Structures are given as C-alpha cells and as structure tokens.
Amino acid sequence: MGVILPSMTPTADLLDRITINPSQFSGQPCIRGIKVSDILALLAADKSQDEILETHPYLEADDITACLLYAIQQDVADPDRSQIAQHLHMTPKQRLAHLVEAVAFQERAHRARRVG
C-alpha cells in the first residue's frame, strides 16, 4: 500500500469534506462526487495515494485522508472490548480492509432504512 502522508488540516475541517446528500448515491457518504467507500476500496486494493490522485485529478490528498478519518470515526462509534483487542493485532492492510467493510456495512444499513 502506498504511503499516506499526514495532513496538516484539522480533523474537523477534513471531515467537513464528506457530504451526505439523499439525492446522490442514495445518501451514501461522498467526497467530491465519489463514494467514500470507493476511495477506501481503492486503498484496500493497494492503490497508492498518487495513483488515486492521478486517476481522479479533482481529488486532493486531504480528501483521501478525510475518507480514512471518516471510516475510523464510523468504526469506533460503538466499540466493544473484543473489537479493540482484535484491531490491535491487525496488520495495516487488514485494518484498512476492515474499515472498508465497516463503511460498506453502514451504507447497506442506511439503504435499508431508506427502503423500509
């Protein structure tokens, strides 16, 4: 996986980049018109930050950082001790895969609430 450089932008400002619009992708979290889960999936597929920015030139490095922060925020919203212990033993790639799945789960739950 490519190196993600730390951002100098405050966390709150980074998370403000994430939008949720019911008329866009069924209300799934997006950044500059791309689903957050799609950016996370690219990272989980070993795409580097540079590759993602080259493929999506309207994105900024801080957008990728915002997606990661959003995923972490969603993942730790309701932690339990067994999850925390499990996360301590994950490799960075396993952790990213877990975050991708956590965001995908949130998106499925959101869609189910909209349909139901």
PDB file of N, CA and C in Angstrom:
ATOM      1  N   MET A   1       0.844  -1.160   0.000  1.00  0.00           N
ATOM      2  CA  MET A   1       0.000   0.000   0.000  1.00  0.00           C
ATOM      3  C   MET A   1       0.892   1.225   0.000  1.00  0.00           C
ATOM      4  N   GLY A   2       0.495   2.271  -0.722  1.00  0.00           N
ATOM      5  CA  GLY A   2       1.266   3.492  -0.774  1.00  0.00           C
ATOM      6  C   GLY A   2       1.198   4.245   0.538  1.00  0.00           C
ATOM      7  N   VAL A   3       2.159   5.095   0.764  1.00  0.00           N
ATOM      8  CA  VAL A   3       2.226   5.853   1.997  1.00  0.00           C
ATOM      9  C   VAL A   3       1.248   7.018   1.936  1.00  0.00           C
ATOM     10  N   ILE A   4       0.443   7.167   2.971  1.00  0.00           N
ATOM     11  CA  ILE A   4      -0.447   8.308   3.089  1.00  0.00           C
ATOM     12  C   ILE A   4       0.239   9.285   4.030  1.00  0.00           C
ATOM     13  N   LEU A   5       0.562  10.453   3.537  1.00  0.00           N
ATOM     14  CA  LEU A   5       1.245  11.448   4.349  1.00  0.00           C
ATOM     15  C   LEU A   5       0.257  12.118   5.291  1.00  0.00           C
ATOM     16  N   PRO A   6       0.696  12.403   6.517  1.00  0.00           N
ATOM     17  CA  PRO A   6      -0.205  13.069   7.461  1.00  0.00           C
ATOM     18  C   PRO A   6      -0.596  14.447   6.957  1.00  0.00           C
ATOM     19  N   SER A   7      -1.806  14.829   7.252  1.00  0.00           N
ATOM     20  CA  SER A   7      -2.326  16.125   6.825  1.00  0.00           C
ATOM     21  C   SER A   7      -2.098  17.157   7.922  1.00  0.00           C
ATOM     22  N   MET A   8      -1.924  18.393   7.512  1.00  0.00           N
ATOM     23  CA  MET A   8      -1.810  19.485   8.475  1.00  0.00           C
ATOM     24  C   MET A   8      -3.171  20.149   8.700  1.00  0.00           C
ATOM     25  N   THR A   9      -4.197  19.680   8.004  1.00  0.00           N
ATOM     26  CA  THR A   9      -5.537  20.228   8.129  1.00  0.00           C
ATOM     27  C   THR A   9      -6.196  19.648   9.383  1.00  0.00           C
ATOM     28  N   PRO A  10      -6.871  20.467  10.191  1.00  0.00           N
ATOM     29  CA  PRO A  10      -7.547  19.950  11.383  1.00  0.00           C
ATOM     30  C   PRO A  10      -8.590  18.878  11.023  1.00  0.00           C
ATOM     31  N   THR A  11      -8.761  17.928  11.917  1.00  0.00           N
ATOM     32  CA  THR A  11      -9.665  16.804  11.678  1.00  0.00           C
ATOM     33  C   THR A  11     -11.071  17.263  11.330  1.00  0.00           C
ATOM     34  N   ALA A  12     -11.615  18.227  12.058  1.00  0.00           N
ATOM     35  CA  ALA A  12     -12.981  18.691  11.793  1.00  0.00           C
ATOM     36  C   ALA A  12     -13.107  19.239  10.375  1.00  0.00           C
ATOM     37  N   ASP A  13     -12.092  19.973   9.922  1.00  0.00           N
ATOM     38  CA  ASP A  13     -12.127  20.514   8.563  1.00  0.00           C
ATOM     39  C   ASP A  13     -12.069  19.396   7.530  1.00  0.00           C
ATOM     40  N   LEU A  14     -11.285  18.366   7.818  1.00  0.00           N
ATOM     41  CA  LEU A  14     -11.210  17.232   6.895  1.00  0.00           C
ATOM     42  C   LEU A  14     -12.559  16.530   6.804  1.00  0.00           C
ATOM     43  N   LEU A  15     -13.191  16.304   7.934  1.00  0.00           N
ATOM     44  CA  LEU A  15     -14.473  15.599   7.930  1.00  0.00           C
ATOM     45  C   LEU A  15     -15.574  16.434   7.283  1.00  0.00           C
ATOM     46  N   ASP A  16     -15.425  17.752   7.263  1.00  0.00           N
ATOM     47  CA  ASP A  16     -16.398  18.614   6.585  1.00  0.00           C
ATOM     48  C   ASP A  16     -16.394  18.387   5.072  1.00  0.00           C
ATOM     49  N   ARG A  17     -15.355  17.764   4.560  1.00  0.00           N
ATOM     50  CA  ARG A  17     -15.285  17.466   3.133  1.00  0.00           C
ATOM     51  C   ARG A  17     -16.262  16.346   2.744  1.00  0.00           C
ATOM     52  N   ILE A  18     -16.646  15.529   3.709  1.00  0.00           N
ATOM     53  CA  ILE A  18     -17.559  14.411   3.455  1.00  0.00           C
ATOM     54  C   ILE A  18     -18.984  14.957   3.428  1.00  0.00           C
ATOM     55  N   THR A  19     -19.713  14.619   2.367  1.00  0.00           N
ATOM     56  CA  THR A  19     -21.099  15.068   2.249  1.00  0.00           C
ATOM     57  C   THR A  19     -22.030  13.864   2.170  1.00  0.00           C
ATOM     58  N   ILE A  20     -23.230  14.082   2.686  1.00  0.00           N
ATOM     59  CA  ILE A  20     -24.274  13.067   2.587  1.00  0.00           C
ATOM     60  C   ILE A  20     -25.493  13.774   2.025  1.00  0.00           C
ATOM     61  N   ASN A  21     -25.847  13.398   0.806  1.00  0.00           N
ATOM     62  CA  ASN A  21     -26.953  14.019   0.095  1.00  0.00           C
ATOM     63  C   ASN A  21     -27.905  12.909  -0.332  1.00  0.00           C
ATOM     64  N   PRO A  22     -29.151  12.938   0.150  1.00  0.00           N
ATOM     65  CA  PRO A  22     -30.092  11.865  -0.186  1.00  0.00           C
ATOM     66  C   PRO A  22     -30.288  11.649  -1.688  1.00  0.00           C
ATOM     67  N   SER A  23     -30.067  12.692  -2.489  1.00  0.00           N
ATOM     68  CA  SER A  23     -30.263  12.547  -3.935  1.00  0.00           C
ATOM     69  C   SER A  23     -28.993  12.099  -4.663  1.00  0.00           C
ATOM     70  N   GLN A  24     -27.914  11.876  -3.929  1.00  0.00           N
ATOM     71  CA  GLN A  24     -26.655  11.444  -4.532  1.00  0.00           C
ATOM     72  C   GLN A  24     -26.258  10.097  -3.921  1.00  0.00           C
ATOM     73  N   PHE A  25     -26.157   9.077  -4.749  1.00  0.00           N
ATOM     74  CA  PHE A  25     -25.757   7.739  -4.307  1.00  0.00           C
ATOM     75  C   PHE A  25     -26.591   7.268  -3.118  1.00  0.00           C
ATOM     76  N   SER A  26     -27.897   7.529  -3.155  1.00  0.00           N
ATOM     77  CA  SER A  26     -28.826   7.094  -2.108  1.00  0.00           C
ATOM     78  C   SER A  26     -28.407   7.552  -0.716  1.00  0.00           C
ATOM     79  N   GLY A  27     -27.776   8.709  -0.630  1.00  0.00           N
ATOM     80  CA  GLY A  27     -27.396   9.253   0.660  1.00  0.00           C
ATOM     81  C   GLY A  27     -26.129   8.668   1.258  1.00  0.00           C
ATOM     82  N   GLN A  28     -25.359   7.944   0.452  1.00  0.00           N
ATOM     83  CA  GLN A  28     -24.101   7.389   0.955  1.00  0.00           C
ATOM     84  C   GLN A  28     -23.069   8.505   1.076  1.00  0.00           C
ATOM     85  N   PRO A  29     -22.152   8.403   2.045  1.00  0.00           N
ATOM     86  CA  PRO A  29     -21.147   9.451   2.213  1.00  0.00           C
ATOM     87  C   PRO A  29     -20.254   9.570   0.979  1.00  0.00           C
ATOM     88  N   CYS A  30     -20.044  10.812   0.546  1.00  0.00           N
ATOM     89  CA  CYS A  30     -19.266  11.079  -0.669  1.00  0.00           C
ATOM     90  C   CYS A  30     -18.254  12.187  -0.404  1.00  0.00           C
ATOM     91  N   ILE A  31     -17.305  12.239  -1.298  1.00  0.00           N
ATOM     92  CA  ILE A  31     -16.343  13.329  -1.300  1.00  0.00           C
ATOM     93  C   ILE A  31     -16.100  13.701  -2.765  1.00  0.00           C
ATOM     94  N   ARG A  32     -16.404  14.916  -3.098  1.00  0.00           N
ATOM     95  CA  ARG A  32     -16.261  15.422  -4.477  1.00  0.00           C
ATOM     96  C   ARG A  32     -16.922  14.512  -5.509  1.00  0.00           C
ATOM     97  N   GLY A  33     -18.095  13.999  -5.154  1.00  0.00           N
ATOM     98  CA  GLY A  33     -18.863  13.184  -6.089  1.00  0.00           C
ATOM     99  C   GLY A  33     -18.456  11.726  -6.184  1.00  0.00           C
ATOM    100  N   ILE A  34     -17.584  11.281  -5.307  1.00  0.00           N
ATOM    101  CA  ILE A  34     -17.158   9.874  -5.281  1.00  0.00           C
ATOM    102  C   ILE A  34     -17.536   9.309  -3.914  1.00  0.00           C
ATOM    103  N   LYS A  35     -18.059   8.094  -3.893  1.00  0.00           N
ATOM    104  CA  LYS A  35     -18.398   7.478  -2.612  1.00  0.00           C
ATOM    105  C   LYS A  35     -17.127   7.254  -1.788  1.00  0.00           C
ATOM    106  N   VAL A  36     -17.219   7.524  -0.508  1.00  0.00           N
ATOM    107  CA  VAL A  36     -16.103   7.298   0.409  1.00  0.00           C
ATOM    108  C   VAL A  36     -15.666   5.841   0.333  1.00  0.00           C
ATOM    109  N   SER A  37     -16.634   4.938   0.255  1.00  0.00           N
ATOM    110  CA  SER A  37     -16.295   3.507   0.198  1.00  0.00           C
ATOM    111  C   SER A  37     -15.496   3.165  -1.054  1.00  0.00           C
ATOM    112  N   ASP A  38     -15.712   3.886  -2.155  1.00  0.00           N
ATOM    113  CA  ASP A  38     -14.935   3.632  -3.372  1.00  0.00           C
ATOM    114  C   ASP A  38     -13.472   4.039  -3.187  1.00  0.00           C
ATOM    115  N   ILE A  39     -13.244   5.168  -2.513  1.00  0.00           N
ATOM    116  CA  ILE A  39     -11.865   5.599  -2.239  1.00  0.00           C
ATOM    117  C   ILE A  39     -11.186   4.591  -1.318  1.00  0.00           C
ATOM    118  N   LEU A  40     -11.905   4.154  -0.285  1.00  0.00           N
ATOM    119  CA  LEU A  40     -11.341   3.178   0.647  1.00  0.00           C
ATOM    120  C   LEU A  40     -11.057   1.852  -0.056  1.00  0.00           C
ATOM    121  N   ALA A  41     -11.930   1.460  -0.963  1.00  0.00           N
ATOM    122  CA  ALA A  41     -11.718   0.218  -1.701  1.00  0.00           C
ATOM    123  C   ALA A  41     -10.467   0.305  -2.578  1.00  0.00           C
ATOM    124  N   LEU A  42     -10.229   1.471  -3.170  1.00  0.00           N
ATOM    125  CA  LEU A  42      -9.005   1.652  -3.965  1.00  0.00           C
ATOM    126  C   LEU A  42      -7.769   1.501  -3.084  1.00  0.00           C
ATOM    127  N   LEU A  43      -7.808   2.096  -1.894  1.00  0.00           N
ATOM    128  CA  LEU A  43      -6.680   1.963  -0.966  1.00  0.00           C
ATOM    129  C   LEU A  43      -6.497   0.509  -0.546  1.00  0.00           C
ATOM    130  N   ALA A  44      -7.594  -0.173  -0.279  1.00  0.00           N
ATOM    131  CA  ALA A  44      -7.518  -1.579   0.125  1.00  0.00           C
ATOM    132  C   ALA A  44      -6.996  -2.457  -1.002  1.00  0.00           C
ATOM    133  N   ALA A  45      -7.171  -2.010  -2.248  1.00  0.00           N
ATOM    134  CA  ALA A  45      -6.672  -2.750  -3.408  1.00  0.00           C
ATOM    135  C   ALA A  45      -5.235  -2.363  -3.738  1.00  0.00           C
ATOM    136  N   ASP A  46      -4.552  -1.754  -2.769  1.00  0.00           N
ATOM    137  CA  ASP A  46      -3.145  -1.376  -2.893  1.00  0.00           C
ATOM    138  C   ASP A  46      -2.876  -0.250  -3.877  1.00  0.00           C
ATOM    139  N   LYS A  47      -3.875   0.561  -4.182  1.00  0.00           N
ATOM    140  CA  LYS A  47      -3.626   1.756  -4.991  1.00  0.00           C
ATOM    141  C   LYS A  47      -2.967   2.791  -4.095  1.00  0.00           C
ATOM    142  N   SER A  48      -1.948   3.427  -4.586  1.00  0.00           N
ATOM    143  CA  SER A  48      -1.270   4.452  -3.793  1.00  0.00           C
ATOM    144  C   SER A  48      -2.065   5.751  -3.858  1.00  0.00           C
ATOM    145  N   GLN A  49      -1.752   6.631  -2.945  1.00  0.00           N
ATOM    146  CA  GLN A  49      -2.383   7.948  -2.953  1.00  0.00           C
ATOM    147  C   GLN A  49      -2.122   8.642  -4.283  1.00  0.00           C
ATOM    148  N   ASP A  50      -0.893   8.546  -4.770  1.00  0.00           N
ATOM    149  CA  ASP A  50      -0.557   9.175  -6.052  1.00  0.00           C
ATOM    150  C   ASP A  50      -1.365   8.592  -7.201  1.00  0.00           C
ATOM    151  N   GLU A  51      -1.556   7.273  -7.207  1.00  0.00           N
ATOM    152  CA  GLU A  51      -2.353   6.646  -8.269  1.00  0.00           C
ATOM    153  C   GLU A  51      -3.796   7.121  -8.224  1.00  0.00           C
ATOM    154  N   ILE A  52      -4.344   7.222  -7.025  1.00  0.00           N
ATOM    155  CA  ILE A  52      -5.731   7.680  -6.888  1.00  0.00           C
ATOM    156  C   ILE A  52      -5.854   9.126  -7.344  1.00  0.00           C
ATOM    157  N   LEU A  53      -4.913   9.961  -6.946  1.00  0.00           N
ATOM    158  CA  LEU A  53      -4.967  11.374  -7.344  1.00  0.00           C
ATOM    159  C   LEU A  53      -4.759  11.551  -8.850  1.00  0.00           C
ATOM    160  N   GLU A  54      -3.957  10.684  -9.436  1.00  0.00           N
ATOM    161  CA  GLU A  54      -3.745  10.748 -10.885  1.00  0.00           C
ATOM    162  C   GLU A  54      -5.012  10.334 -11.633  1.00  0.00           C
ATOM    163  N   THR A  55      -5.683   9.311 -11.137  1.00  0.00           N
ATOM    164  CA  THR A  55      -6.915   8.819 -11.766  1.00  0.00           C
ATOM    165  C   THR A  55      -8.083   9.774 -11.546  1.00  0.00           C
ATOM    166  N   HIS A  56      -8.084  10.440 -10.407  1.00  0.00           N
ATOM    167  CA  HIS A  56      -9.159  11.368 -10.041  1.00  0.00           C
ATOM    168  C   HIS A  56      -8.532  12.739  -9.747  1.00  0.00           C
ATOM    169  N   PRO A  57      -8.176  13.501 -10.783  1.00  0.00           N
ATOM    170  CA  PRO A  57      -7.415  14.747 -10.587  1.00  0.00           C
ATOM    171  C   PRO A  57      -8.149  15.827  -9.799  1.00  0.00           C
ATOM    172  N   TYR A  58      -9.453  15.721  -9.640  1.00  0.00           N
ATOM    173  CA  TYR A  58     -10.201  16.715  -8.875  1.00  0.00           C
ATOM    174  C   TYR A  58     -10.132  16.436  -7.374  1.00  0.00           C
ATOM    175  N   LEU A  59      -9.592  15.292  -6.985  1.00  0.00           N
ATOM    176  CA  LEU A  59      -9.379  14.992  -5.577  1.00  0.00           C
ATOM    177  C   LEU A  59      -8.088  15.629  -5.087  1.00  0.00           C
ATOM    178  N   GLU A  60      -8.016  15.862  -3.798  1.00  0.00           N
ATOM    179  CA  GLU A  60      -6.811  16.361  -3.150  1.00  0.00           C
ATOM    180  C   GLU A  60      -6.354  15.310  -2.142  1.00  0.00           C
ATOM    181  N   ALA A  61      -5.094  15.380  -1.764  1.00  0.00           N
ATOM    182  CA  ALA A  61      -4.558  14.432  -0.788  1.00  0.00           C
ATOM    183  C   ALA A  61      -5.374  14.455   0.503  1.00  0.00           C
ATOM    184  N   ASP A  62      -5.811  15.640   0.926  1.00  0.00           N
ATOM    185  CA  ASP A  62      -6.622  15.739   2.140  1.00  0.00           C
ATOM    186  C   ASP A  62      -7.969  15.035   1.994  1.00  0.00           C
ATOM    187  N   ASP A  63      -8.469  14.891   0.761  1.00  0.00           N
ATOM    188  CA  ASP A  63      -9.723  14.160   0.555  1.00  0.00           C
ATOM    189  C   ASP A  63      -9.543  12.690   0.923  1.00  0.00           C
ATOM    190  N   ILE A  64      -8.410  12.132   0.568  1.00  0.00           N
ATOM    191  CA  ILE A  64      -8.134  10.730   0.889  1.00  0.00           C
ATOM    192  C   ILE A  64      -8.001  10.570   2.402  1.00  0.00           C
ATOM    193  N   THR A  65      -7.310  11.511   3.035  1.00  0.00           N
ATOM    194  CA  THR A  65      -7.189  11.489   4.487  1.00  0.00           C
ATOM    195  C   THR A  65      -8.565  11.599   5.137  1.00  0.00           C
ATOM    196  N   ALA A  66      -9.423  12.438   4.587  1.00  0.00           N
ATOM    197  CA  ALA A  66     -10.777  12.598   5.123  1.00  0.00           C
ATOM    198  C   ALA A  66     -11.556  11.291   5.041  1.00  0.00           C
ATOM    199  N   CYS A  67     -11.401  10.562   3.952  1.00  0.00           N
ATOM    200  CA  CYS A  67     -12.084   9.274   3.812  1.00  0.00           C
ATOM    201  C   CYS A  67     -11.617   8.292   4.885  1.00  0.00           C
ATOM    202  N   LEU A  68     -10.325   8.263   5.133  1.00  0.00           N
ATOM    203  CA  LEU A  68      -9.794   7.380   6.171  1.00  0.00           C
ATOM    204  C   LEU A  68     -10.300   7.800   7.551  1.00  0.00           C
ATOM    205  N   LEU A  69     -10.296   9.085   7.831  1.00  0.00           N
ATOM    206  CA  LEU A  69     -10.805   9.563   9.114  1.00  0.00           C
ATOM    207  C   LEU A  69     -12.282   9.237   9.287  1.00  0.00           C
ATOM    208  N   TYR A  70     -13.053   9.394   8.231  1.00  0.00           N
ATOM    209  CA  TYR A  70     -14.477   9.071   8.285  1.00  0.00           C
ATOM    210  C   TYR A  70     -14.669   7.592   8.612  1.00  0.00           C
ATOM    211  N   ALA A  71     -13.906   6.739   7.950  1.00  0.00           N
ATOM    212  CA  ALA A  71     -14.024   5.300   8.188  1.00  0.00           C
ATOM    213  C   ALA A  71     -13.659   4.950   9.621  1.00  0.00           C
ATOM    214  N   ILE A  72     -12.603   5.561  10.127  1.00  0.00           N
ATOM    215  CA  ILE A  72     -12.195   5.308  11.511  1.00  0.00           C
ATOM    216  C   ILE A  72     -13.277   5.794  12.467  1.00  0.00           C
ATOM    217  N   GLN A  73     -13.835   6.960  12.197  1.00  0.00           N
ATOM    218  CA  GLN A  73     -14.885   7.517  13.047  1.00  0.00           C
ATOM    219  C   GLN A  73     -16.098   6.572  13.084  1.00  0.00           C
ATOM    220  N   GLN A  74     -16.497   6.049  11.930  1.00  0.00           N
ATOM    221  CA  GLN A  74     -17.630   5.137  11.876  1.00  0.00           C
ATOM    222  C   GLN A  74     -17.331   3.831  12.600  1.00  0.00           C
ATOM    223  N   ASP A  75     -16.098   3.385  12.472  1.00  0.00           N
ATOM    224  CA  ASP A  75     -15.697   2.105  13.055  1.00  0.00           C
ATOM    225  C   ASP A  75     -15.656   2.153  14.576  1.00  0.00           C
ATOM    226  N   VAL A  76     -15.278   3.288  15.143  1.00  0.00           N
ATOM    227  CA  VAL A  76     -15.143   3.376  16.596  1.00  0.00           C
ATOM    228  C   VAL A  76     -16.356   4.010  17.261  1.00  0.00           C
ATOM    229  N   ALA A  77     -17.417   4.235  16.522  1.00  0.00           N
ATOM    230  CA  ALA A  77     -18.604   4.864  17.093  1.00  0.00           C
ATOM    231  C   ALA A  77     -19.191   4.037  18.232  1.00  0.00           C
ATOM    232  N   ASP A  78     -19.100   2.723  18.138  1.00  0.00           N
ATOM    233  CA  ASP A  78     -19.651   1.859  19.173  1.00  0.00           C
ATOM    234  C   ASP A  78     -18.705   0.674  19.403  1.00  0.00           C
ATOM    235  N   PRO A  79     -17.510   0.950  19.937  1.00  0.00           N
ATOM    236  CA  PRO A  79     -16.541  -0.133  20.084  1.00  0.00           C
ATOM    237  C   PRO A  79     -16.885  -1.049  21.252  1.00  0.00           C
ATOM    238  N   ASP A  80     -16.477  -2.290  21.140  1.00  0.00           N
ATOM    239  CA  ASP A  80     -16.534  -3.172  22.297  1.00  0.00           C
ATOM    240  C   ASP A  80     -15.117  -3.702  22.527  1.00  0.00           C
ATOM    241  N   ARG A  81     -14.870  -4.228  23.684  1.00  0.00           N
ATOM    242  CA  ARG A  81     -13.508  -4.620  24.054  1.00  0.00           C
ATOM    243  C   ARG A  81     -12.937  -5.693  23.130  1.00  0.00           C
ATOM    244  N   SER A  82     -13.752  -6.606  22.661  1.00  0.00           N
ATOM    245  CA  SER A  82     -13.221  -7.654  21.782  1.00  0.00           C
ATOM    246  C   SER A  82     -12.781  -7.074  20.446  1.00  0.00           C
ATOM    247  N   GLN A  83     -13.520  -6.074  19.941  1.00  0.00           N
ATOM    248  CA  GLN A  83     -13.124  -5.411  18.693  1.00  0.00           C
ATOM    249  C   GLN A  83     -11.802  -4.695  18.871  1.00  0.00           C
ATOM    250  N   ILE A  84     -11.662  -3.986  19.981  1.00  0.00           N
ATOM    251  CA  ILE A  84     -10.434  -3.236  20.228  1.00  0.00           C
ATOM    252  C   ILE A  84      -9.240  -4.183  20.283  1.00  0.00           C
ATOM    253  N   ALA A  85      -9.382  -5.296  21.010  1.00  0.00           N
ATOM    254  CA  ALA A  85      -8.288  -6.273  21.106  1.00  0.00           C
ATOM    255  C   ALA A  85      -7.958  -6.850  19.740  1.00  0.00           C
ATOM    256  N   GLN A  86      -8.987  -7.134  18.954  1.00  0.00           N
ATOM    257  CA  GLN A  86      -8.768  -7.687  17.617  1.00  0.00           C
ATOM    258  C   GLN A  86      -8.021  -6.679  16.743  1.00  0.00           C
ATOM    259  N   HIS A  87      -8.387  -5.414  16.818  1.00  0.00           N
ATOM    260  CA  HIS A  87      -7.750  -4.378  15.991  1.00  0.00           C
ATOM    261  C   HIS A  87      -6.275  -4.219  16.320  1.00  0.00           C
ATOM    262  N   LEU A  88      -5.902  -4.451  17.560  1.00  0.00           N
ATOM    263  CA  LEU A  88      -4.504  -4.314  17.947  1.00  0.00           C
ATOM    264  C   LEU A  88      -3.608  -5.322  17.249  1.00  0.00           C
ATOM    265  N   HIS A  89      -4.185  -6.437  16.815  1.00  0.00           N
ATOM    266  CA  HIS A  89      -3.400  -7.495  16.189  1.00  0.00           C
ATOM    267  C   HIS A  89      -3.477  -7.491  14.668  1.00  0.00           C
ATOM    268  N   MET A  90      -4.159  -6.496  14.090  1.00  0.00           N
ATOM    269  CA  MET A  90      -4.307  -6.431  12.639  1.00  0.00           C
ATOM    270  C   MET A  90      -3.102  -5.751  12.003  1.00  0.00           C
ATOM    271  N   THR A  91      -2.753  -6.222  10.827  1.00  0.00           N
ATOM    272  CA  THR A  91      -1.758  -5.516  10.028  1.00  0.00           C
ATOM    273  C   THR A  91      -2.441  -4.272   9.449  1.00  0.00           C
ATOM    274  N   PRO A  92      -1.689  -3.289   8.983  1.00  0.00           N
ATOM    275  CA  PRO A  92      -2.329  -2.115   8.377  1.00  0.00           C
ATOM    276  C   PRO A  92      -3.269  -2.489   7.225  1.00  0.00           C
ATOM    277  N   LYS A  93      -2.888  -3.448   6.417  1.00  0.00           N
ATOM    278  CA  LYS A  93      -3.754  -3.843   5.300  1.00  0.00           C
ATOM    279  C   LYS A  93      -5.045  -4.486   5.813  1.00  0.00           C
ATOM    280  N   GLN A  94      -4.944  -5.326   6.853  1.00  0.00           N
ATOM    281  CA  GLN A  94      -6.143  -5.934   7.430  1.00  0.00           C
ATOM    282  C   GLN A  94      -7.038  -4.853   8.042  1.00  0.00           C
ATOM    283  N   ARG A  95      -6.437  -3.876   8.689  1.00  0.00           N
ATOM    284  CA  ARG A  95      -7.196  -2.792   9.305  1.00  0.00           C
ATOM    285  C   ARG A  95      -7.948  -1.996   8.244  1.00  0.00           C
ATOM    286  N   LEU A  96      -7.284  -1.690   7.133  1.00  0.00           N
ATOM    287  CA  LEU A  96      -7.930  -0.953   6.056  1.00  0.00           C
ATOM    288  C   LEU A  96      -9.078  -1.763   5.468  1.00  0.00           C
ATOM    289  N   ALA A  97      -8.862  -3.049   5.252  1.00  0.00           N
ATOM    290  CA  ALA A  97      -9.932  -3.905   4.738  1.00  0.00           C
ATOM    291  C   ALA A  97     -11.119  -3.897   5.695  1.00  0.00           C
ATOM    292  N   HIS A  98     -10.831  -3.923   6.987  1.00  0.00           N
ATOM    293  CA  HIS A  98     -11.903  -3.869   7.984  1.00  0.00           C
ATOM    294  C   HIS A  98     -12.663  -2.546   7.894  1.00  0.00           C
ATOM    295  N   LEU A  99     -11.941  -1.445   7.741  1.00  0.00           N
ATOM    296  CA  LEU A  99     -12.588  -0.142   7.635  1.00  0.00           C
ATOM    297  C   LEU A  99     -13.455  -0.050   6.387  1.00  0.00           C
ATOM    298  N   VAL A 100     -12.976  -0.607   5.271  1.00  0.00           N
ATOM    299  CA  VAL A 100     -13.768  -0.624   4.033  1.00  0.00           C
ATOM    300  C   VAL A 100     -15.069  -1.379   4.280  1.00  0.00           C
ATOM    301  N   GLU A 101     -14.982  -2.519   4.933  1.00  0.00           N
ATOM    302  CA  GLU A 101     -16.182  -3.310   5.222  1.00  0.00           C
ATOM    303  C   GLU A 101     -17.107  -2.572   6.191  1.00  0.00           C
ATOM    304  N   ALA A 102     -16.540  -1.874   7.172  1.00  0.00           N
ATOM    305  CA  ALA A 102     -17.369  -1.135   8.130  1.00  0.00           C
ATOM    306  C   ALA A 102     -18.163  -0.036   7.431  1.00  0.00           C
ATOM    307  N   VAL A 103     -17.526   0.689   6.517  1.00  0.00           N
ATOM    308  CA  VAL A 103     -18.231   1.747   5.793  1.00  0.00           C
ATOM    309  C   VAL A 103     -19.276   1.138   4.861  1.00  0.00           C
ATOM    310  N   ALA A 104     -18.945   0.037   4.212  1.00  0.00           N
ATOM    311  CA  ALA A 104     -19.914  -0.634   3.344  1.00  0.00           C
ATOM    312  C   ALA A 104     -21.127  -1.103   4.152  1.00  0.00           C
ATOM    313  N   PHE A 105     -20.887  -1.607   5.356  1.00  0.00           N
ATOM    314  CA  PHE A 105     -21.983  -2.039   6.228  1.00  0.00           C
ATOM    315  C   PHE A 105     -22.873  -0.853   6.581  1.00  0.00           C
ATOM    316  N   GLN A 106     -22.253   0.286   6.914  1.00  0.00           N
ATOM    317  CA  GLN A 106     -23.024   1.490   7.229  1.00  0.00           C
ATOM    318  C   GLN A 106     -23.880   1.914   6.036  1.00  0.00           C
ATOM    319  N   GLU A 107     -23.305   1.816   4.824  1.00  0.00           N
ATOM    320  CA  GLU A 107     -24.055   2.193   3.621  1.00  0.00           C
ATOM    321  C   GLU A 107     -25.242   1.256   3.407  1.00  0.00           C
ATOM    322  N   ARG A 108     -25.034  -0.049   3.614  1.00  0.00           N
ATOM    323  CA  ARG A 108     -26.140  -1.006   3.463  1.00  0.00           C
ATOM    324  C   ARG A 108     -27.229  -0.743   4.497  1.00  0.00           C
ATOM    325  N   ALA A 109     -26.839  -0.443   5.717  1.00  0.00           N
ATOM    326  CA  ALA A 109     -27.816  -0.149   6.768  1.00  0.00           C
ATOM    327  C   ALA A 109     -28.595   1.112   6.425  1.00  0.00           C
ATOM    328  N   HIS A 110     -27.912   2.115   5.895  1.00  0.00           N
ATOM    329  CA  HIS A 110     -28.573   3.362   5.507  1.00  0.00           C
ATOM    330  C   HIS A 110     -29.588   3.104   4.391  1.00  0.00           C
ATOM    331  N   ARG A 111     -29.191   2.321   3.401  1.00  0.00           N
ATOM    332  CA  ARG A 111     -30.110   1.993   2.297  1.00  0.00           C
ATOM    333  C   ARG A 111     -31.316   1.237   2.812  1.00  0.00           C
ATOM    334  N   ALA A 112     -31.093   0.305   3.729  1.00  0.00           N
ATOM    335  CA  ALA A 112     -32.191  -0.491   4.272  1.00  0.00           C
ATOM    336  C   ALA A 112     -33.175   0.401   5.029  1.00  0.00           C
ATOM    337  N   ARG A 113     -32.668   1.384   5.762  1.00  0.00           N
ATOM    338  CA  ARG A 113     -33.553   2.311   6.481  1.00  0.00           C
ATOM    339  C   ARG A 113     -34.361   3.154   5.499  1.00  0.00           C
ATOM    340  N   ARG A 114     -33.753   3.541   4.386  1.00  0.00           N
ATOM    341  CA  ARG A 114     -34.464   4.353   3.392  1.00  0.00           C
ATOM    342  C   ARG A 114     -35.564   3.563   2.717  1.00  0.00           C
ATOM    343  N   VAL A 115     -35.294   2.266   2.438  1.00  0.00           N
ATOM    344  CA  VAL A 115     -36.272   1.429   1.753  1.00  0.00           C
ATOM    345  C   VAL A 115     -37.410   1.036   2.708  1.00  0.00           C
ATOM    346  N   GLY A 116     -37.031   0.729   3.942  1.00  0.00           N
ATOM    347  CA  GLY A 116     -38.005   0.250   4.946  1.00  0.00           C
ATOM    348  C   GLY A 116     -38.805   1.342   5.478  1.00  0.00           C
TER     349      GLY A 116
END
